[in-house]
Amino acid sequence: ATLSKTDAKKSTPKAPEAKTRLSDSPVQDRGLVVTEPKAKEIVLEHKSYCAKKVKERHFQGDVLGYITPWNGHGYDIAKTFGGKFTLISPVWLQVKRRGRATFQVTGLHDADQGWIKDVKKNKNLLLVPRILFDGWSYQDFESLFDSEDEIEELASAMVQVAQSEKFDGFVIEVWSQLGGQKRTELVHAIGHLAEAMHDAKLKFVLVIPPSVAPGTNQLGMFGRKEFEQLAPLVDSFSFMTYDYSSPERPGPNSPLPWVRACVQTLDPDSRWRSKILLGLNFYGMDYSALGASGEPVLGHRFIEILTEQKPKIVWEEQIAEHYFEYKKNKGGKHAVFYPTLKSIQLRLELAKELGTGISIWELGQGLDYFYDLL
C-alpha cells in the first residue's frame, strides 16, 4: 500500500542515522561501554568499529565464532576481525547414517572455498565446521553405541572429509539430542571420535548444554562427571550459557550469576578451565506481554526498534544485562533483551576471571562495534 498523507506526516521526525565512517579508536576509548547507553547513541555508533585495531586482541583465551549460511554478514565479520578469533565454525555440515556402518557427511555445497582461503590468511585461526547428527533415530544411536565398527566407520568418514576439504577439525553437536539419556555410551563414542581426530592432527570441539538448567537450579543434562571424563580427550567445550529465558518465562538471555554457576558446577577445581568456551549470545529476544510469545532479535532488527521507538534502556545490575520496553500500535507491550557493549564486556571479564575461553553465537547477529571488545 502507498503511504496516505496522514502516514507521511507521522513519519516526519528524522530518524538518527548510523555513522558509516570507521573510527580511529575502539569503543573502550570512546566512552561507549556504559550502564546507561542512549538509544540514539547505539544507533549512531554501532557500525563504527576501530579500523586500526581489527587484529589486536584484548581477550587472551580461545575465541570461537559461529557463522550461519543464512546470515551472510558473519562471513564478512570473520574476514575483517579474523585476527581476534582462534576458531571459526561455519554451521555447514550434517552427518547421516545411511545403513549399517555407513555414514555420509552432507552440506559441503555450503563450503565457500574463496572465503576459506581468505579466512585462512590469519595464521592462528582454525576452521572447525559444525557437524549436526541429522535425522538420527534413537535406534540409530543405539546401533552406533553397540558397535565399535560403527564408531570407527563414523570417525573415518569425518576424518576423510576434514582432510579432503582442508578443515582443521570439527565442532560436534550431539549431546542434547538424547535429552540426557545414554550418557555413558555417548562419552565412550565421543572419546573414540576425538582420538581418531587427534591421530589425524585435527581438533575436536564438543557442544555442551548448560550444567545448571535455566530457571530451576536443577543440574542440567551434562554434568561434572561427564565433563571430567571428556576433558582430557577433547580440545574444547562450546558451552551454551544462553537461552536462559523463554516466551513462557520472559527475561534475560544469560544472567551473569547463572553463567558463573554453570562454569563452577562443571569444573569446581579449575582443572580444565581453558577448554571451556563460555557461550555469549550476539542475538536477543523480543517478548510480547500478550500470549506468552517471543522471537529472536538480530542486530539490524534491534537497531530498527531503537530508531522507531527511541526507548529508555534500563540496566539490570543483578543479571548484568540491558533491556527496554516498548508498545506496538495494537500489539500491546513488548520487552527486548539484547546484548550491549557493557553486558559483553562484563562477560569477557568473567571469562578472564574464571580462566575460560569464549564462543559466540553468532557472528552475523551482533553489531559491528561489539568486536572492538574482543
Foldseek 3Di string as FASTA:
>chain_A
DDDDPVNVVVPPPDFQAADQEADQDAPVVVPFQDQFHFLSVCRHYLNHGNQVCLQPEPFPFAEEAEAELVQPVQLVNCLRNVNHHQEYEYQFWEWEDPDQLDIAIDRCVSDDVVSVVSNVVNVRHFYAYEYEHPPDDPVNLVSCLVDPSSLVSVLVNQLVVCVVSVHQYYEYEDQPVVVLPPLVSVLVSLLSSLVSQVVSNHAYEYEDEFQQQAPPRDGGSDFQVSCVSCLVRHQAYAYPQFCSAALVGDDAGHFPVSLLVRLCRNCVPLPRASRYAREDEQWKKKHAPPPSHIDIGFDVNSSVCCRVFSFGWHADVRRGWIKTKGQDPPRGIMIMTGHDLNSVLVVSVVSVVSVYHHYYDHSSRHGSSSSSND
